[in-house]
């Protein structure tokens, strides 16, 4: 059985008040007994007991008042409250007079709406699980709020359900309570039924507090449509949040990279080979004539 902080504070204050009433009865009996005793020492003991009991009465009453007045706020400093979604009241329609039809209309075929299934973790994501801890079933999560900015306390700044392009990052903030460290958690971002991003790991956020998921895409990939954030503990679906993106994303401008061209090198032309010259044959040397 889950007991919230306010109920606990009220019960403690009531118990303290009951204890003060019981001590008051005992103090009254002590004073009555002291009046009847003839011995001074015994009478004095009864009076001192009655005085101590009266002091306890005042202390218990002061504690009950202080606990009822400031105990809840003091407890919330260490146990942050879990946001509880408020139900939207339904409008009761005023019955109108039903006219008697004069013509019988031919019935037309009415399409039966398809049943939307419970979100589930795809097999390719489930194979990446690391945790072996079985999650409990007494944890709780609040509704998810979406915004383009958050503060230092992980609170959404100007939350909305529709966002105009251009976009870069969308945050999904929530509060949680009674979580077990080490259990497997998974967040899946879906656009028109198609997964665009997911995160999965073991829980390290403590047992209670605030958390934030983020979807960061290039500006040209924020296509208009319906987006959904699905949150799982283990393989169990816990909660989902929806928002819409309006307008066309900016077109990515291609970056032109200049390619340096090579400088042509000078190729020398072929030179003609000089024609060899003809070497003249040696002439015959005349022999000396005989001298008489």
Protein backbone atom coordinates (compact mmCIF):
# COMPACT_ATOMS: atom_id res chain seq x y z
CA UNK A 1 0.00 0.00 0.00
CA UNK A 2 1.47 3.36 -1.07
CA UNK A 3 1.10 6.23 1.44
CA UNK A 4 1.87 9.74 0.29
CA UNK A 5 3.79 12.31 2.32
CA UNK A 6 0.76 14.43 3.25
CA UNK A 7 -1.11 11.44 4.73
CA UNK A 8 1.97 10.46 6.74
CA UNK A 9 2.33 14.00 8.17
CA UNK A 10 -1.34 14.06 9.22
CA UNK A 11 -1.10 10.63 10.91
CA UNK A 12 2.02 11.66 12.86
CA UNK A 13 0.31 14.87 14.06
CA UNK A 14 -2.78 12.94 15.19
CA UNK A 15 -0.67 10.40 17.07
CA UNK A 16 1.25 13.22 18.79
CA UNK A 17 -2.03 14.85 19.82
CA UNK A 18 -3.34 11.54 21.22
CA UNK A 19 -0.11 11.11 23.17
CA UNK A 20 -0.49 14.62 24.61
CA UNK A 21 -4.04 13.83 25.77
CA UNK A 22 -2.89 10.62 27.44
CA UNK A 23 -0.07 12.46 29.26
CA UNK A 24 -2.56 15.11 30.39
CA UNK A 25 -4.75 12.44 32.02
CA UNK A 26 -1.73 10.97 33.79
CA UNK A 27 -0.67 14.44 35.00
CA UNK A 28 -4.15 15.06 36.40
CA UNK A 29 -4.08 11.71 38.25
CA UNK A 30 -0.64 12.53 39.65
CA UNK A 31 -1.86 15.88 41.04
CA UNK A 32 -4.94 14.23 42.54
CA UNK A 33 -2.88 11.52 44.15
CA UNK A 34 -0.45 14.11 45.57
CA UNK A 35 -3.27 16.03 47.23
CA UNK A 36 -4.45 12.92 49.05
CA UNK A 37 -1.07 11.90 50.44
CA UNK A 38 -0.29 13.11 53.98
CA UNK A 39 3.47 12.77 53.61
CA UNK A 40 5.31 15.77 52.24
CA UNK A 41 8.02 13.80 50.42
CA UNK A 42 5.51 11.52 48.65
CA UNK A 43 3.29 14.46 47.80
CA UNK A 44 6.25 16.34 46.34
CA UNK A 45 7.16 13.33 44.14
CA UNK A 46 3.63 13.21 42.73
CA UNK A 47 3.63 16.93 42.03
CA UNK A 48 7.00 16.70 40.24
CA UNK A 49 5.72 13.77 38.18
CA UNK A 50 2.63 15.78 37.24
CA UNK A 51 4.80 18.76 36.25
CA UNK A 52 6.99 16.59 34.02
CA UNK A 53 3.92 15.08 32.40
CA UNK A 54 2.50 18.53 31.75
CA UNK A 55 5.80 19.53 30.14
CA UNK A 56 5.53 16.48 27.90
CA UNK A 57 1.97 17.51 27.00
CA UNK A 58 3.14 20.95 25.85
CA UNK A 59 6.04 19.48 23.89
CA UNK A 60 3.83 16.95 22.10
CA UNK A 61 1.25 19.60 21.26
CA UNK A 62 3.98 21.90 19.91
CA UNK A 63 5.42 19.04 17.83
CA UNK A 64 1.99 18.14 16.46
CA UNK A 65 1.34 21.75 15.41
CA UNK A 66 4.80 22.24 13.89
CA UNK A 67 4.61 18.92 12.05
CA UNK A 68 1.16 19.74 10.66
CA UNK A 69 2.19 23.30 9.73
CA UNK A 70 5.71 22.83 8.26
CA UNK A 71 6.36 19.07 8.11
CA UNK A 72 5.09 18.58 4.58
CA UNK A 73 7.28 21.31 3.09
CA UNK A 74 10.32 20.05 5.02
CA UNK A 75 9.77 16.49 3.73
CA UNK A 76 9.50 17.66 0.13
CA UNK A 77 13.07 19.00 0.31
CA UNK A 78 14.35 15.43 0.54
CA UNK A 79 11.56 13.60 -1.29
CA UNK A 80 10.57 15.64 -4.37
CA UNK A 81 6.87 15.23 -5.21
CA UNK A 82 5.77 13.25 -8.26
CA UNK A 83 3.64 15.19 -10.69
CA UNK A 84 0.13 13.75 -10.90
CA UNK A 85 -1.71 14.35 -14.17
CA UNK A 86 -5.02 16.09 -13.65
CA UNK A 87 -8.09 14.71 -15.33
CA UNK A 88 -9.85 16.94 -17.82
CA UNK A 89 -13.52 17.30 -16.89
CA UNK A 90 -15.91 16.10 -19.55
CA UNK A 91 -18.73 18.33 -20.68
CA UNK A 92 -22.17 16.90 -20.07
CA UNK A 93 -24.19 17.43 -23.19
CA UNK A 94 -27.73 18.68 -22.96
CA UNK A 95 -30.17 16.20 -24.49
CA UNK A 96 -31.81 17.47 -27.64
CA UNK A 97 -35.18 16.64 -29.08
CA UNK A 98 -34.98 13.76 -31.54
CA UNK A 99 -36.96 14.50 -34.68
CA UNK A 100 -39.00 11.74 -36.23
CA UNK A 101 -37.38 10.91 -39.57
CA UNK A 102 -39.62 11.05 -42.59
CA UNK A 103 -37.30 9.37 -45.09
CA UNK A 104 -35.40 6.17 -44.58
CA UNK A 105 -31.83 6.77 -45.65
CA UNK A 106 -29.77 4.05 -47.23
CA UNK A 107 -27.09 2.99 -44.75
CA UNK A 108 -23.51 3.66 -45.80
CA UNK A 109 -20.48 1.59 -44.96
CA UNK A 110 -18.60 2.92 -41.95
CA UNK A 111 -14.92 2.07 -41.70
CA UNK A 112 -13.89 0.51 -38.41
CA UNK A 113 -10.98 2.41 -36.82
CA UNK A 114 -7.84 0.37 -36.42
CA UNK A 115 -6.68 -0.47 -32.91
CA UNK A 116 -3.50 1.28 -31.85
CA UNK A 117 -1.18 -1.27 -30.28
CA UNK A 118 0.92 -0.80 -27.16
CA UNK A 119 4.44 0.47 -27.98
CA UNK A 120 7.13 -2.19 -27.81
CA UNK A 121 10.92 -2.33 -28.07
CA UNK A 122 12.23 -3.58 -31.44
CA UNK A 123 14.39 -6.67 -31.34
CA UNK A 124 17.52 -4.89 -32.61
CA UNK A 125 17.35 -2.53 -29.60
CA UNK A 126 16.53 -5.28 -27.06
CA UNK A 127 19.69 -7.18 -28.04
CA UNK A 128 21.77 -4.25 -26.71
CA UNK A 129 20.41 -4.53 -23.13
CA UNK A 130 23.08 -4.75 -20.44
CA UNK A 131 21.18 -4.87 -17.14
CA UNK A 132 20.17 -8.14 -15.46
CA UNK A 133 18.18 -6.50 -12.63
CA UNK A 134 14.45 -7.16 -12.67
CA UNK A 135 12.60 -3.82 -12.29
CA UNK A 136 9.87 -3.48 -9.68
CA UNK A 137 6.34 -2.37 -10.49
CA UNK A 138 5.82 0.37 -7.86
CA UNK A 139 7.73 3.16 -9.68
CA UNK A 140 5.87 6.11 -11.20
CA UNK A 141 6.48 8.67 -13.97
CA UNK A 142 4.74 11.96 -14.73
CA UNK A 143 3.53 13.28 -18.06
CA UNK A 144 6.25 14.36 -20.50
CA UNK A 145 6.60 18.07 -21.34
CA UNK A 146 8.37 19.19 -24.53
CA UNK A 147 10.33 22.40 -25.03
CA UNK A 148 13.32 23.80 -26.89
CA UNK A 149 15.07 24.94 -23.66
CA UNK A 150 15.33 23.74 -20.04
CA UNK A 151 16.74 25.33 -16.88
CA UNK A 152 19.36 24.02 -14.45
CA UNK A 153 16.67 22.09 -12.49
CA UNK A 154 15.62 20.15 -15.63
CA UNK A 155 12.36 22.08 -15.88
CA UNK A 156 10.86 22.88 -19.29
CA UNK A 157 10.94 26.54 -20.37
CA UNK A 158 7.76 27.47 -22.26
CA UNK A 159 6.54 23.90 -22.92
CA UNK A 160 4.39 23.33 -26.01
CA UNK A 161 3.02 20.58 -28.26
CA UNK A 162 3.72 22.31 -31.60
CA UNK A 163 7.06 23.69 -32.80
CA UNK A 164 7.96 25.69 -35.91
CA UNK A 165 11.01 25.05 -38.08
CA UNK A 166 13.93 25.70 -38.00
CA UNK A 167 14.79 23.42 -35.04
CA UNK A 168 17.90 21.84 -33.61
CA UNK A 169 17.00 20.25 -30.23
CA UNK A 170 13.77 19.22 -28.49
CA UNK A 171 13.79 18.29 -24.77
CA UNK A 172 11.31 15.94 -23.07
CA UNK A 173 11.21 16.55 -19.28
CA UNK A 174 9.50 14.43 -16.62
CA UNK A 175 9.60 13.51 -12.93
CA UNK A 176 9.98 10.03 -11.45
CA UNK A 177 9.82 8.28 -8.09
CA UNK A 178 10.71 4.92 -6.48
CA UNK A 179 13.17 3.90 -9.23
CA UNK A 180 15.78 1.18 -8.67
CA UNK A 181 19.37 1.97 -9.75
CA UNK A 182 20.78 -0.44 -12.32
CA UNK A 183 17.54 -1.35 -14.14
CA UNK A 184 17.44 -1.14 -17.94
CA UNK A 185 15.77 1.97 -19.39
CA UNK A 186 15.13 2.90 -23.02
CA UNK A 187 13.81 6.03 -24.74
CA UNK A 188 12.72 5.86 -28.40
CA UNK A 189 11.94 8.90 -30.59
CA UNK A 190 9.47 8.11 -33.38
CA UNK A 191 8.35 10.27 -36.33
CA UNK A 192 5.19 9.14 -38.11
CA UNK A 193 5.80 5.53 -37.05
CA UNK A 194 9.52 5.51 -37.96
CA UNK A 195 12.32 5.45 -35.36
CA UNK A 196 14.65 8.43 -35.74
CA UNK A 197 16.71 8.08 -32.55
CA UNK A 198 16.94 5.99 -29.36
CA UNK A 199 18.96 5.76 -26.13
CA UNK A 200 19.28 2.76 -23.81
CA UNK A 201 21.32 2.00 -20.70
CA UNK A 202 21.25 1.23 -16.98
CA UNK A 203 19.46 3.65 -14.65
CA UNK A 204 21.81 5.96 -12.70
CA UNK A 205 19.41 8.80 -11.79
CA UNK A 206 18.58 7.87 -8.19
CA UNK A 207 15.24 6.80 -6.75
CA UNK A 208 13.36 10.06 -7.31
CA UNK A 209 13.73 13.44 -8.98
CA UNK A 210 13.56 14.99 -12.44
CA UNK A 211 14.90 13.80 -15.80
CA UNK A 212 15.21 15.07 -19.36
CA UNK A 213 15.52 13.34 -22.73
CA UNK A 214 16.69 15.20 -25.83
CA UNK A 215 16.43 14.76 -29.59
CA UNK A 216 19.14 16.61 -31.53
CA UNK A 217 19.04 16.47 -35.34
CA UNK A 218 20.57 18.55 -38.13
CA UNK A 219 18.21 21.42 -39.09
CA UNK A 220 17.44 19.92 -42.50
CA UNK A 221 16.30 16.59 -40.92
CA UNK A 222 13.47 18.10 -38.82
CA UNK A 223 10.75 17.04 -41.23
CA UNK A 224 7.18 18.18 -40.47
CA UNK A 225 4.95 15.56 -38.89
CA UNK A 226 3.91 13.89 -35.64
CA UNK A 227 6.70 12.98 -33.19
CA UNK A 228 6.48 10.68 -30.18
CA UNK A 229 8.79 9.91 -27.24
CA UNK A 230 8.30 6.39 -25.85
CA UNK A 231 9.79 5.48 -22.45
CA UNK A 232 10.44 1.88 -21.32
CA UNK A 233 11.71 0.24 -18.12
CA UNK A 234 13.09 -3.14 -19.07
CA UNK A 235 10.81 -4.24 -21.91
CA UNK A 236 7.72 -2.67 -20.31
CA UNK A 237 6.25 0.49 -21.83
CA UNK A 238 5.80 3.19 -19.14
CA UNK A 239 4.69 6.45 -20.77
CA UNK A 240 4.67 8.40 -24.04
CA UNK A 241 4.56 12.02 -25.10
CA UNK A 242 3.49 13.60 -28.40
CA UNK A 243 4.30 16.84 -30.25
CA UNK A 244 4.16 18.15 -33.82
CA UNK A 245 6.69 19.93 -36.03
CA UNK A 246 5.29 22.49 -38.47
CA UNK A 247 6.86 24.05 -41.54
CA UNK A 248 9.51 22.80 -43.91
CA UNK A 249 13.11 22.49 -42.68
CA UNK A 250 15.82 24.68 -44.20
CA UNK A 251 17.51 23.26 -47.29
CA UNK A 252 21.08 22.20 -46.81
CA UNK A 253 23.40 24.40 -48.90
CA UNK A 254 26.20 22.40 -50.54
CA UNK A 255 29.70 23.62 -49.82
CA UNK A 256 31.80 24.10 -52.96
CA UNK A 257 35.40 23.00 -52.46
CA UNK A 258 37.93 24.46 -54.90
CA UNK A 259 40.26 21.83 -56.38
CA UNK A 260 43.66 23.28 -57.33
CA UNK A 261 44.65 22.53 -60.94
CA UNK A 262 48.14 21.37 -61.77
CA UNK A 263 50.55 23.78 -63.48
CA UNK A 264 51.58 22.37 -66.86
CA UNK A 265 55.27 21.50 -67.09
CA UNK A 266 57.38 22.38 -70.11
CA UNK A 267 58.23 19.35 -72.27
CA UNK A 268 61.37 19.94 -74.37
CA UNK A 269 61.02 19.23 -78.08
CA UNK A 270 63.22 16.69 -79.81
CA UNK A 271 66.32 18.14 -81.50
CA UNK A 272 67.52 16.75 -84.79
CA UNK A 273 70.65 14.63 -84.76
CA UNK A 274 73.38 16.26 -86.85
CA UNK A 275 74.28 14.35 -90.02
CA UNK A 276 77.72 12.81 -89.70
CA UNK A 277 80.40 14.29 -92.01
CA UNK A 278 82.44 12.06 -94.27
CA UNK A 279 86.03 11.64 -93.20
CA UNK A 280 88.44 11.85 -96.23
CA UNK A 281 90.72 8.91 -96.83
CA UNK A 282 94.45 9.50 -96.35
CA UNK A 283 96.44 10.20 -99.50
CA UNK A 284 99.38 7.99 -100.56
CA UNK A 285 102.79 9.23 -99.52
CA UNK A 286 105.26 9.25 -102.46
CA UNK A 287 108.28 7.02 -102.11
CA UNK A 288 111.74 8.60 -102.27
CA UNK A 289 113.49 8.17 -105.57
CA UNK A 290 116.76 6.34 -105.80
CA UNK A 291 119.84 8.58 -105.74
CA UNK A 292 122.46 7.65 -108.27
